[in-house]
Structure formats: structure tokens, C-alpha cells
């Protein structure tokens, strides 16, 4: 667990804790932070209860299918950002995002950028445009041209096999 403490000009204290894919930050005056820290067990339980771990199939280039646990928001409202597992690269992060239920409909680069920012993966749009281009070339992501620009959607194993048979 990583624990960071630093003073800020607006608030007396800020404490940031990370354990695995979960990061929590508490800010306030000394009394507020102390009270929050005293109740950290209750706060952690509430936070973890708000998210559920779901196993979803991830597109695979090999014949056998693999699954990787991903955190998903319990509500299926489209306005909410998905929560995905920590990724080692921008390419992997985009694939996790587009293979989630959020990625079932085509998404623009600004939506993808916002969703990654919401997951503490602040890749710039210029980086993501290159990553998306290479994923399209590899056949792992599909790109469609719309009136507002390009939109991207993850490819399902069925789509890949259909394209190979044509």
C-alpha cells in the first residue's frame, strides 16, 4: 500500500492511499482527515460495495479464450464511466475499455480519453490516436467514419472469424 501525505495551500492535509487497482484520496483540515482516517474501514467497505468484480471474456488471438477480472459499475447507465483493471500500456487499456460493456457501442476518441482519465490513466488524445490506429491495423479494434469524425469499437471473436472467412 502506498501512502502519500502532503500539505496543500487550500486544505491543511491530503492523504492518498493505493492498494492494487484502488486509490483513495482524503483532503481537508487536520480534524476532517483524522476523522476520515479513523473511519477508514467503514469508508472502504462502502467504496468496495459500490463496485463489483465481474469476469468478462477478453478477445484473444489464440484459439483458447481467456478471461480477466474487470471492475464494472453496477448501474448500466451509459452516462457513467466504466471502471477497468490497471493496464501496462495504452494499447492494453484501450482494449480493456472497448471490450467492456461500455465499449459495446462505437465511441469517439474524446469519450475514450475521458473514460481512461476517469480510470487514472491520463493518456493524451494524440497518443491514443496512434494506439487506436495500430489496433485497427491489427484487427483488434474497428473504426467507422461518422459525420463527427471516427468512432471505435472493439472486435468480438465472431467478427474476426467472419472477416477471415471472407
N, C-alpha and C. Protein backbone atom coordinates (compact mmCIF):
# COMPACT_ATOMS: atom_id res chain seq x y z
N UNK A 1 0.84 -1.16 0.00
CA UNK A 1 0.00 0.00 0.00
C UNK A 1 0.90 1.23 0.00
N UNK A 2 0.57 2.16 -0.88
CA UNK A 2 1.32 3.40 -0.99
C UNK A 2 0.56 4.48 -0.22
N UNK A 3 1.24 5.23 0.65
CA UNK A 3 0.62 6.28 1.44
C UNK A 3 1.39 7.56 1.22
N UNK A 4 0.70 8.59 0.77
CA UNK A 4 1.33 9.87 0.49
C UNK A 4 0.68 10.93 1.36
N UNK A 5 1.46 11.80 1.95
CA UNK A 5 0.93 12.90 2.76
C UNK A 5 1.62 14.18 2.32
N UNK A 6 0.82 15.20 2.02
CA UNK A 6 1.41 16.48 1.67
C UNK A 6 0.43 17.59 2.02
N UNK A 7 0.99 18.73 2.36
CA UNK A 7 0.15 19.89 2.67
C UNK A 7 -0.15 20.62 1.38
N UNK A 8 -1.36 21.16 1.29
CA UNK A 8 -1.75 21.96 0.13
C UNK A 8 -2.14 23.34 0.60
N UNK A 9 -2.09 24.33 -0.29
CA UNK A 9 -2.43 25.68 0.14
C UNK A 9 -3.89 25.83 0.58
N UNK A 10 -4.85 25.19 -0.10
CA UNK A 10 -6.26 25.34 0.22
C UNK A 10 -6.69 24.48 1.41
N UNK A 11 -6.14 23.31 1.51
CA UNK A 11 -6.51 22.37 2.55
C UNK A 11 -5.29 22.05 3.39
N UNK A 12 -5.50 21.81 4.65
CA UNK A 12 -4.38 21.55 5.53
C UNK A 12 -3.70 20.23 5.22
N UNK A 13 -4.50 19.19 4.92
CA UNK A 13 -3.93 17.86 4.73
C UNK A 13 -4.55 17.17 3.51
N UNK A 14 -3.75 16.33 2.90
CA UNK A 14 -4.23 15.46 1.82
C UNK A 14 -3.51 14.14 1.99
N UNK A 15 -4.28 13.06 2.08
CA UNK A 15 -3.71 11.72 2.19
C UNK A 15 -4.23 10.89 1.03
N UNK A 16 -3.32 10.25 0.31
CA UNK A 16 -3.68 9.39 -0.81
C UNK A 16 -3.15 7.99 -0.51
N UNK A 17 -4.05 7.01 -0.64
CA UNK A 17 -3.68 5.62 -0.40
C UNK A 17 -4.02 4.79 -1.62
N UNK A 18 -3.15 3.86 -1.93
CA UNK A 18 -3.38 2.97 -3.05
C UNK A 18 -3.10 1.54 -2.60
N UNK A 19 -4.01 0.66 -2.98
CA UNK A 19 -3.81 -0.77 -2.77
C UNK A 19 -4.29 -1.47 -4.02
N UNK A 20 -3.38 -2.03 -4.77
CA UNK A 20 -3.74 -2.66 -6.03
C UNK A 20 -4.28 -1.65 -7.01
N UNK A 21 -5.48 -1.91 -7.56
CA UNK A 21 -6.10 -1.03 -8.54
C UNK A 21 -6.95 0.06 -7.89
N UNK A 22 -7.01 0.07 -6.57
CA UNK A 22 -7.89 1.02 -5.88
C UNK A 22 -7.05 2.12 -5.23
N UNK A 23 -7.45 3.36 -5.48
CA UNK A 23 -6.77 4.51 -4.90
C UNK A 23 -7.82 5.42 -4.26
N UNK A 24 -7.54 5.88 -3.04
CA UNK A 24 -8.45 6.76 -2.32
C UNK A 24 -7.65 7.97 -1.86
N UNK A 25 -8.27 9.15 -2.00
CA UNK A 25 -7.63 10.38 -1.53
C UNK A 25 -8.59 11.09 -0.60
N UNK A 26 -8.06 11.52 0.55
CA UNK A 26 -8.85 12.25 1.54
C UNK A 26 -8.17 13.60 1.74
N UNK A 27 -8.95 14.69 1.62
CA UNK A 27 -8.41 16.03 1.80
C UNK A 27 -9.28 16.79 2.79
N UNK A 28 -8.68 17.69 3.51
CA UNK A 28 -9.42 18.53 4.45
C UNK A 28 -8.50 19.08 5.51
N UNK A 29 -9.11 19.65 6.54
CA UNK A 29 -8.27 20.11 7.64
C UNK A 29 -7.86 18.91 8.48
N UNK A 30 -7.01 19.14 9.46
CA UNK A 30 -6.46 18.03 10.25
C UNK A 30 -7.55 17.20 10.91
N UNK A 31 -8.57 17.85 11.46
CA UNK A 31 -9.66 17.14 12.15
C UNK A 31 -10.45 16.28 11.17
N UNK A 32 -10.80 16.83 9.98
CA UNK A 32 -11.58 16.08 9.00
C UNK A 32 -10.81 14.85 8.50
N UNK A 33 -9.54 15.03 8.22
CA UNK A 33 -8.73 13.90 7.73
C UNK A 33 -8.57 12.86 8.82
N UNK A 34 -8.37 13.31 10.05
CA UNK A 34 -8.23 12.39 11.17
C UNK A 34 -9.50 11.57 11.37
N UNK A 35 -10.68 12.22 11.29
CA UNK A 35 -11.95 11.50 11.43
C UNK A 35 -12.15 10.51 10.29
N UNK A 36 -11.82 10.92 9.08
CA UNK A 36 -11.94 10.02 7.93
C UNK A 36 -11.01 8.83 8.09
N UNK A 37 -9.80 9.09 8.57
CA UNK A 37 -8.84 8.00 8.74
C UNK A 37 -9.30 7.04 9.85
N UNK A 38 -9.92 7.59 10.92
CA UNK A 38 -10.45 6.74 11.99
C UNK A 38 -11.56 5.84 11.48
N UNK A 39 -12.31 6.29 10.48
CA UNK A 39 -13.43 5.53 9.92
C UNK A 39 -13.07 4.87 8.59
N UNK A 40 -11.81 4.68 8.32
CA UNK A 40 -11.37 4.18 7.01
C UNK A 40 -11.96 2.81 6.69
N UNK A 41 -12.12 1.95 7.71
CA UNK A 41 -12.69 0.62 7.46
C UNK A 41 -14.11 0.72 6.92
N UNK A 42 -14.93 1.59 7.55
CA UNK A 42 -16.31 1.77 7.10
C UNK A 42 -16.34 2.39 5.71
N UNK A 43 -15.48 3.38 5.49
CA UNK A 43 -15.44 4.03 4.17
C UNK A 43 -15.00 3.05 3.09
N UNK A 44 -14.00 2.22 3.40
CA UNK A 44 -13.51 1.24 2.43
C UNK A 44 -14.61 0.24 2.08
N UNK A 45 -15.36 -0.22 3.10
CA UNK A 45 -16.46 -1.16 2.85
C UNK A 45 -17.51 -0.55 1.93
N UNK A 46 -17.87 0.71 2.18
CA UNK A 46 -18.85 1.40 1.33
C UNK A 46 -18.32 1.54 -0.09
N UNK A 47 -17.05 1.91 -0.20
CA UNK A 47 -16.44 2.11 -1.52
C UNK A 47 -16.42 0.79 -2.30
N UNK A 48 -15.96 -0.28 -1.66
CA UNK A 48 -15.87 -1.57 -2.34
C UNK A 48 -17.25 -2.13 -2.67
N UNK A 49 -18.25 -1.84 -1.83
CA UNK A 49 -19.60 -2.31 -2.10
C UNK A 49 -20.19 -1.63 -3.33
N UNK A 50 -19.69 -0.44 -3.65
CA UNK A 50 -20.20 0.29 -4.81
C UNK A 50 -19.73 -0.32 -6.12
N UNK A 51 -18.70 -1.14 -6.07
CA UNK A 51 -18.16 -1.77 -7.27
C UNK A 51 -18.20 -3.28 -7.11
N UNK A 52 -18.39 -3.98 -8.22
CA UNK A 52 -18.38 -5.43 -8.16
C UNK A 52 -17.37 -5.95 -9.16
N UNK A 53 -16.74 -7.08 -8.84
CA UNK A 53 -15.77 -7.69 -9.75
C UNK A 53 -16.52 -8.66 -10.64
N UNK A 54 -16.37 -8.47 -11.96
CA UNK A 54 -17.06 -9.28 -12.95
C UNK A 54 -16.02 -9.90 -13.86
N UNK A 55 -16.20 -11.18 -14.20
CA UNK A 55 -15.30 -11.79 -15.17
C UNK A 55 -15.93 -11.67 -16.54
N UNK A 56 -15.19 -11.06 -17.47
CA UNK A 56 -15.68 -10.89 -18.83
C UNK A 56 -14.66 -11.51 -19.77
N UNK A 57 -15.12 -12.12 -20.86
CA UNK A 57 -14.16 -12.65 -21.82
C UNK A 57 -13.43 -11.51 -22.51
N UNK A 58 -12.16 -11.71 -22.74
CA UNK A 58 -11.34 -10.71 -23.43
C UNK A 58 -10.97 -11.28 -24.79
N UNK A 59 -11.11 -10.51 -25.87
CA UNK A 59 -10.74 -11.04 -27.17
C UNK A 59 -9.30 -11.55 -27.14
N UNK A 60 -9.11 -12.70 -27.75
CA UNK A 60 -7.80 -13.34 -27.72
C UNK A 60 -7.39 -13.74 -29.13
N UNK A 61 -6.12 -13.63 -29.42
CA UNK A 61 -5.65 -14.01 -30.75
C UNK A 61 -5.43 -15.52 -30.84
N UNK A 62 -5.32 -16.21 -29.70
CA UNK A 62 -5.13 -17.66 -29.71
C UNK A 62 -6.48 -18.36 -29.78
N UNK A 63 -6.45 -19.66 -29.98
CA UNK A 63 -7.68 -20.43 -30.12
C UNK A 63 -8.45 -20.51 -28.80
N UNK A 64 -7.73 -20.60 -27.68
CA UNK A 64 -8.44 -20.68 -26.40
C UNK A 64 -8.80 -19.28 -25.92
N UNK A 65 -9.91 -19.19 -25.25
CA UNK A 65 -10.40 -17.90 -24.76
C UNK A 65 -9.92 -17.71 -23.32
N UNK A 66 -9.48 -16.49 -23.00
CA UNK A 66 -9.05 -16.19 -21.64
C UNK A 66 -10.02 -15.20 -21.02
N UNK A 67 -10.05 -15.21 -19.70
CA UNK A 67 -10.88 -14.23 -19.01
C UNK A 67 -10.00 -13.46 -18.05
N UNK A 68 -10.33 -12.21 -17.86
CA UNK A 68 -9.59 -11.36 -16.92
C UNK A 68 -10.60 -10.59 -16.11
N UNK A 69 -10.42 -10.56 -14.79
CA UNK A 69 -11.39 -9.82 -13.99
C UNK A 69 -11.32 -8.33 -14.28
N UNK A 70 -12.47 -7.71 -14.38
CA UNK A 70 -12.54 -6.27 -14.59
C UNK A 70 -13.56 -5.71 -13.63
N UNK A 71 -13.31 -4.51 -13.15
CA UNK A 71 -14.28 -3.85 -12.29
C UNK A 71 -15.29 -3.15 -13.17
N UNK A 72 -16.57 -3.32 -12.86
CA UNK A 72 -17.64 -2.69 -13.63
C UNK A 72 -18.53 -1.90 -12.69
N UNK A 73 -19.07 -0.82 -13.18
CA UNK A 73 -20.06 -0.07 -12.41
C UNK A 73 -21.33 -0.90 -12.37
N UNK A 74 -22.00 -1.02 -11.22
CA UNK A 74 -23.20 -1.83 -11.15
C UNK A 74 -24.35 -1.29 -11.99
N UNK A 75 -24.45 0.00 -12.14
CA UNK A 75 -25.51 0.59 -12.95
C UNK A 75 -25.09 0.55 -14.41
N UNK A 76 -26.03 0.29 -15.30
CA UNK A 76 -25.69 0.19 -16.71
C UNK A 76 -25.97 1.50 -17.44
N UNK A 77 -26.12 2.58 -16.72
CA UNK A 77 -26.39 3.88 -17.35
C UNK A 77 -25.22 4.26 -18.24
N UNK A 78 -25.53 4.66 -19.47
CA UNK A 78 -24.47 4.97 -20.42
C UNK A 78 -23.67 6.20 -20.03
N UNK A 79 -24.23 7.09 -19.23
CA UNK A 79 -23.51 8.30 -18.88
C UNK A 79 -22.38 8.02 -17.90
N UNK A 80 -22.39 6.88 -17.23
CA UNK A 80 -21.36 6.56 -16.25
C UNK A 80 -20.15 5.96 -16.93
N UNK A 81 -18.99 6.32 -16.41
CA UNK A 81 -17.74 5.81 -16.95
C UNK A 81 -17.49 4.40 -16.43
N UNK A 82 -16.93 3.53 -17.25
CA UNK A 82 -16.62 2.19 -16.79
C UNK A 82 -15.38 2.22 -15.90
N UNK A 83 -15.25 1.22 -15.07
CA UNK A 83 -14.05 1.05 -14.26
C UNK A 83 -13.36 -0.19 -14.79
N UNK A 84 -12.10 -0.02 -15.18
CA UNK A 84 -11.35 -1.15 -15.75
C UNK A 84 -10.12 -1.43 -14.91
N UNK A 85 -9.57 -2.62 -15.08
CA UNK A 85 -8.37 -3.01 -14.36
C UNK A 85 -7.17 -2.20 -14.85
N UNK A 86 -6.19 -2.04 -14.00
CA UNK A 86 -4.96 -1.32 -14.34
C UNK A 86 -4.30 -2.02 -15.53
N UNK A 87 -3.81 -1.24 -16.48
CA UNK A 87 -3.19 -1.78 -17.69
C UNK A 87 -1.71 -1.41 -17.73
N UNK A 88 -0.93 -2.23 -18.43
CA UNK A 88 0.51 -1.99 -18.54
C UNK A 88 0.85 -1.01 -19.65
N UNK A 89 -0.08 -0.80 -20.58
CA UNK A 89 0.18 0.10 -21.71
C UNK A 89 -1.12 0.76 -22.16
N UNK A 90 -0.97 1.79 -22.97
CA UNK A 90 -2.15 2.48 -23.51
C UNK A 90 -2.95 1.52 -24.39
N UNK A 91 -2.26 0.70 -25.16
CA UNK A 91 -2.92 -0.27 -26.03
C UNK A 91 -3.78 -1.24 -25.22
N UNK A 92 -3.21 -1.76 -24.16
CA UNK A 92 -3.94 -2.69 -23.30
C UNK A 92 -5.12 -2.00 -22.63
N UNK A 93 -4.92 -0.76 -22.19
CA UNK A 93 -6.00 0.00 -21.54
C UNK A 93 -7.18 0.21 -22.49
N UNK A 94 -6.88 0.57 -23.74
CA UNK A 94 -7.94 0.79 -24.73
C UNK A 94 -8.67 -0.51 -25.01
N UNK A 95 -7.93 -1.62 -25.11
CA UNK A 95 -8.57 -2.91 -25.36
C UNK A 95 -9.48 -3.31 -24.20
N UNK A 96 -9.02 -3.09 -22.95
CA UNK A 96 -9.86 -3.39 -21.78
C UNK A 96 -11.14 -2.56 -21.85
N UNK A 97 -10.98 -1.29 -22.18
CA UNK A 97 -12.11 -0.36 -22.22
C UNK A 97 -13.13 -0.77 -23.28
N UNK A 98 -12.64 -1.04 -24.48
CA UNK A 98 -13.56 -1.36 -25.58
C UNK A 98 -14.12 -2.78 -25.50
N UNK A 99 -13.50 -3.64 -24.69
CA UNK A 99 -14.06 -4.99 -24.52
C UNK A 99 -15.04 -5.05 -23.35
N UNK A 100 -15.18 -3.94 -22.62
CA UNK A 100 -16.17 -3.88 -21.53
C UNK A 100 -17.55 -3.60 -22.12
N UNK A 101 -18.58 -3.67 -21.30
CA UNK A 101 -19.93 -3.40 -21.79
C UNK A 101 -20.05 -1.95 -22.27
N UNK A 102 -19.26 -1.03 -21.71
CA UNK A 102 -19.25 0.37 -22.14
C UNK A 102 -18.82 0.47 -23.61
N UNK A 103 -17.93 -0.39 -24.03
CA UNK A 103 -17.39 -0.35 -25.39
C UNK A 103 -18.23 -1.08 -26.42
N UNK A 104 -19.43 -1.53 -26.04
CA UNK A 104 -20.28 -2.24 -26.99
C UNK A 104 -20.82 -1.33 -28.08
N UNK A 105 -20.92 -0.05 -27.79
CA UNK A 105 -21.33 0.87 -28.85
C UNK A 105 -20.11 1.69 -29.27
N UNK A 106 -20.04 2.10 -30.53
CA UNK A 106 -18.88 2.87 -31.00
C UNK A 106 -18.67 4.14 -30.19
N UNK A 107 -17.41 4.43 -29.88
CA UNK A 107 -17.05 5.59 -29.06
C UNK A 107 -16.00 6.44 -29.78
N UNK A 108 -16.14 7.74 -29.63
CA UNK A 108 -15.18 8.68 -30.20
C UNK A 108 -13.93 8.76 -29.32
N UNK A 109 -12.88 9.34 -29.88
CA UNK A 109 -11.61 9.42 -29.15
C UNK A 109 -11.75 10.26 -27.88
N UNK A 110 -12.61 11.28 -27.90
CA UNK A 110 -12.79 12.10 -26.70
C UNK A 110 -13.45 11.29 -25.59
N UNK A 111 -14.41 10.41 -25.95
CA UNK A 111 -15.05 9.56 -24.95
C UNK A 111 -14.05 8.55 -24.38
N UNK A 112 -13.21 8.01 -25.24
CA UNK A 112 -12.19 7.05 -24.80
C UNK A 112 -11.20 7.74 -23.88
N UNK A 113 -10.77 8.94 -24.26
CA UNK A 113 -9.83 9.70 -23.43
C UNK A 113 -10.44 9.99 -22.07
N UNK A 114 -11.69 10.42 -22.04
CA UNK A 114 -12.37 10.72 -20.77
C UNK A 114 -12.50 9.48 -19.89
N UNK A 115 -12.86 8.36 -20.50
CA UNK A 115 -13.01 7.11 -19.73
C UNK A 115 -11.67 6.67 -19.14
N UNK A 116 -10.59 6.84 -19.90
CA UNK A 116 -9.28 6.47 -19.37
C UNK A 116 -8.85 7.43 -18.27
N UNK A 117 -9.13 8.71 -18.43
CA UNK A 117 -8.83 9.69 -17.38
C UNK A 117 -9.59 9.33 -16.10
N UNK A 118 -10.85 8.92 -16.23
CA UNK A 118 -11.66 8.53 -15.07
C UNK A 118 -11.10 7.30 -14.37
N UNK A 119 -10.28 6.52 -15.08
CA UNK A 119 -9.66 5.33 -14.52
C UNK A 119 -8.20 5.58 -14.14
N UNK A 120 -7.84 6.85 -13.96
CA UNK A 120 -6.48 7.25 -13.56
C UNK A 120 -5.43 6.80 -14.58
N UNK A 121 -5.80 6.85 -15.85
CA UNK A 121 -4.87 6.55 -16.93
C UNK A 121 -4.92 7.73 -17.91
N UNK A 122 -4.25 8.82 -17.58
CA UNK A 122 -4.37 10.06 -18.36
C UNK A 122 -3.52 10.08 -19.64
N UNK A 123 -3.88 9.26 -20.60
CA UNK A 123 -3.17 9.29 -21.87
C UNK A 123 -3.70 10.44 -22.72
N UNK A 124 -2.82 11.21 -23.36
CA UNK A 124 -3.30 12.29 -24.23
C UNK A 124 -3.96 11.74 -25.49
N UNK A 125 -4.86 12.53 -26.06
CA UNK A 125 -5.58 12.11 -27.27
C UNK A 125 -4.62 11.81 -28.41
N UNK A 126 -3.51 12.54 -28.48
CA UNK A 126 -2.54 12.30 -29.56
C UNK A 126 -1.92 10.92 -29.44
N UNK A 127 -1.65 10.48 -28.22
CA UNK A 127 -1.12 9.13 -28.00
C UNK A 127 -2.18 8.10 -28.37
N UNK A 128 -3.41 8.35 -27.92
CA UNK A 128 -4.49 7.38 -28.17
C UNK A 128 -4.82 7.25 -29.65
N UNK A 129 -4.69 8.34 -30.41
CA UNK A 129 -4.99 8.23 -31.84
C UNK A 129 -4.00 7.28 -32.52
N UNK A 130 -2.74 7.34 -32.13
CA UNK A 130 -1.75 6.40 -32.67
C UNK A 130 -2.02 4.98 -32.23
N UNK A 131 -2.34 4.81 -30.95
CA UNK A 131 -2.65 3.48 -30.41
C UNK A 131 -3.86 2.89 -31.13
N UNK A 132 -4.91 3.69 -31.30
CA UNK A 132 -6.11 3.21 -31.98
C UNK A 132 -5.82 2.84 -33.43
N UNK A 133 -4.99 3.64 -34.10
CA UNK A 133 -4.61 3.35 -35.49
C UNK A 133 -3.96 1.96 -35.58
N UNK A 134 -3.02 1.68 -34.67
CA UNK A 134 -2.33 0.38 -34.70
C UNK A 134 -3.27 -0.77 -34.32
N UNK A 135 -4.19 -0.53 -33.39
CA UNK A 135 -5.15 -1.58 -33.03
C UNK A 135 -6.11 -1.87 -34.19
N UNK A 136 -6.45 -0.84 -34.97
CA UNK A 136 -7.28 -1.04 -36.16
C UNK A 136 -6.51 -1.87 -37.18
N UNK A 137 -5.23 -1.54 -37.39
CA UNK A 137 -4.41 -2.29 -38.34
C UNK A 137 -4.26 -3.75 -37.95
N UNK A 138 -4.19 -4.01 -36.64
CA UNK A 138 -4.06 -5.39 -36.14
C UNK A 138 -5.39 -6.14 -36.15
N UNK A 139 -6.50 -5.41 -36.35
CA UNK A 139 -7.81 -6.04 -36.36
C UNK A 139 -8.42 -6.21 -34.99
N UNK A 140 -7.85 -5.57 -33.98
CA UNK A 140 -8.37 -5.70 -32.62
C UNK A 140 -9.44 -4.66 -32.31
N UNK A 141 -9.51 -3.61 -33.13
CA UNK A 141 -10.49 -2.55 -32.97
C UNK A 141 -11.02 -2.21 -34.35
N UNK A 142 -12.31 -1.89 -34.43
CA UNK A 142 -12.91 -1.47 -35.70
C UNK A 142 -13.11 0.04 -35.66
N UNK A 143 -12.95 0.67 -36.83
CA UNK A 143 -13.10 2.12 -36.93
C UNK A 143 -14.18 2.41 -37.96
N UNK A 144 -15.06 3.37 -37.62
CA UNK A 144 -16.14 3.78 -38.50
C UNK A 144 -16.09 5.29 -38.66
N UNK A 145 -16.32 5.77 -39.88
CA UNK A 145 -16.34 7.21 -40.12
C UNK A 145 -17.76 7.70 -39.97
N UNK A 146 -17.93 8.76 -39.17
CA UNK A 146 -19.25 9.37 -38.98
C UNK A 146 -19.13 10.84 -39.36
N UNK A 147 -20.25 11.54 -39.31
CA UNK A 147 -20.23 12.97 -39.61
C UNK A 147 -19.36 13.75 -38.64
N UNK A 148 -19.23 13.27 -37.41
CA UNK A 148 -18.43 13.96 -36.40
C UNK A 148 -17.02 13.45 -36.30
N UNK A 149 -16.58 12.58 -37.18
CA UNK A 149 -15.23 12.01 -37.13
C UNK A 149 -15.29 10.50 -36.99
N UNK A 150 -14.18 9.92 -36.58
CA UNK A 150 -14.11 8.47 -36.43
C UNK A 150 -14.61 8.03 -35.06
N UNK A 151 -15.23 6.85 -35.03
CA UNK A 151 -15.61 6.20 -33.78
C UNK A 151 -14.99 4.81 -33.80
N UNK A 152 -14.77 4.26 -32.60
CA UNK A 152 -14.07 2.98 -32.46
C UNK A 152 -14.89 2.02 -31.63
N UNK A 153 -14.75 0.73 -31.96
CA UNK A 153 -15.48 -0.32 -31.27
C UNK A 153 -14.57 -1.54 -31.23
N UNK A 154 -14.57 -2.24 -30.11
CA UNK A 154 -13.77 -3.46 -30.01
C UNK A 154 -14.33 -4.53 -30.93
N UNK A 155 -13.47 -5.41 -31.41
CA UNK A 155 -13.94 -6.51 -32.26
C UNK A 155 -14.17 -7.73 -31.41
N UNK A 156 -15.26 -8.40 -31.69
CA UNK A 156 -15.55 -9.65 -30.99
C UNK A 156 -14.86 -10.79 -31.73
N UNK A 157 -14.63 -11.93 -31.06
CA UNK A 157 -14.01 -13.07 -31.75
C UNK A 157 -14.82 -13.50 -32.98
N UNK A 158 -16.18 -13.34 -32.94
CA UNK A 158 -17.01 -13.73 -34.08
C UNK A 158 -16.72 -12.83 -35.29
N UNK A 159 -16.54 -11.52 -35.06
CA UNK A 159 -16.26 -10.59 -36.14
C UNK A 159 -14.92 -10.91 -36.81
N UNK A 160 -13.92 -11.28 -35.99
CA UNK A 160 -12.60 -11.61 -36.53
C UNK A 160 -12.70 -12.85 -37.40
N UNK A 161 -13.42 -13.90 -36.93
CA UNK A 161 -13.52 -15.14 -37.71
C UNK A 161 -14.34 -14.93 -38.98
N UNK A 162 -15.38 -14.06 -38.93
CA UNK A 162 -16.16 -13.76 -40.13
C UNK A 162 -15.31 -13.06 -41.19
N UNK A 163 -14.47 -12.12 -40.76
CA UNK A 163 -13.63 -11.39 -41.70
C UNK A 163 -12.58 -12.33 -42.33
N UNK A 164 -12.07 -13.27 -41.54
CA UNK A 164 -11.04 -14.18 -42.07
C UNK A 164 -11.65 -15.14 -43.09
N UNK A 165 -12.94 -15.50 -42.94
CA UNK A 165 -13.56 -16.46 -43.84
C UNK A 165 -14.00 -15.81 -45.15
N UNK A 166 -14.02 -14.47 -45.22
CA UNK A 166 -14.47 -13.80 -46.45
C UNK A 166 -13.34 -13.63 -47.42
